[in-house]
Amino acid sequence: MSQNQQQQQKPIITVLKCLKCGYTTERPFREGDFIPKIEGTCPKDGAPLFIWGIYAKSNQQQQKNK
């Protein structure tokens, strides 16, 4: 399997974080995501949610979530 095929199988995850209360959540990456883009509001306190990180989920992480 080529390196390109391995990269295509790993889902890209975007991490959203509220800097006021520390709330975090993850969602699938969307085209146009970048750090520190404001992406909505925090469901706990209404403060802005920032894109805090973007990463490829490893095969081990995928198996733990199943």
Protein backbone atom coordinates (compact mmCIF):
# COMPACT_ATOMS: atom_id res chain seq x y z
CA MET A 1 0.00 0.00 0.00
CA SER A 2 1.43 3.39 -0.96
CA GLN A 3 1.84 6.24 1.48
CA ASN A 4 -0.80 8.24 -0.42
CA GLN A 5 -3.37 5.44 0.00
CA GLN A 6 -2.63 5.22 3.73
CA GLN A 7 -3.19 8.97 4.14
CA GLN A 8 -6.53 8.77 2.31
CA GLN A 9 -7.82 6.15 4.75
CA LYS A 10 -7.15 8.29 7.83
CA PRO A 11 -10.02 10.64 8.65
CA ILE A 12 -9.04 14.26 9.25
CA ILE A 13 -10.42 15.68 12.51
CA THR A 14 -10.95 19.33 13.48
CA VAL A 15 -10.82 20.19 17.20
CA LEU A 16 -12.97 23.12 18.38
CA LYS A 17 -12.29 24.83 21.72
CA CYS A 18 -13.86 27.57 23.84
CA LEU A 19 -11.11 29.69 25.35
CA LYS A 20 -13.43 31.01 28.07
CA CYS A 21 -14.62 27.75 29.71
CA GLY A 22 -12.35 25.13 28.09
CA TYR A 23 -15.16 23.20 26.33
CA THR A 24 -13.80 21.10 23.44
CA THR A 25 -15.41 19.01 20.72
CA GLU A 26 -14.30 17.26 17.53
CA ARG A 27 -15.87 17.07 14.10
CA PRO A 28 -14.82 15.93 10.63
CA PHE A 29 -12.51 18.35 8.78
CA ARG A 30 -14.21 20.66 6.29
CA GLU A 31 -12.51 22.43 3.40
CA GLY A 32 -11.60 25.94 4.54
CA ASP A 33 -10.81 24.97 8.15
CA PHE A 34 -7.74 26.69 9.60
CA ILE A 35 -6.29 27.55 13.00
CA PRO A 36 -7.54 29.87 14.71
CA LYS A 37 -10.76 30.28 12.67
CA ILE A 38 -13.86 31.16 14.73
CA GLU A 39 -16.42 28.41 14.14
CA GLY A 40 -19.67 29.10 15.97
CA THR A 41 -20.40 29.60 19.64
CA CYS A 42 -19.87 27.52 22.75
CA PRO A 43 -23.02 25.62 23.85
CA LYS A 44 -22.09 26.16 27.51
CA ASP A 45 -21.47 29.91 27.70
CA GLY A 46 -22.02 31.41 24.22
CA ALA A 47 -18.37 32.46 23.79
CA PRO A 48 -16.71 31.94 20.38
CA LEU A 49 -15.47 28.44 19.47
CA PHE A 50 -12.07 28.47 17.80
CA ILE A 51 -10.50 25.78 15.64
CA TRP A 52 -7.79 24.64 18.04
CA GLY A 53 -6.27 21.75 16.09
CA ILE A 54 -6.46 19.66 12.94
CA TYR A 55 -5.07 16.14 12.78
CA ALA A 56 -5.32 12.77 11.02
CA LYS A 57 -6.81 10.07 13.21
CA SER A 58 -4.52 7.02 13.39
CA ASN A 59 -5.74 3.47 12.85
CA GLN A 60 -5.27 2.76 16.59
CA GLN A 61 -7.52 5.70 17.51
CA GLN A 62 -10.19 4.49 15.06
CA GLN A 63 -10.21 0.99 16.59
CA LYS A 64 -10.56 2.36 20.15
CA ASN A 65 -13.65 4.35 19.11
CA LYS A 66 -15.45 1.30 17.66
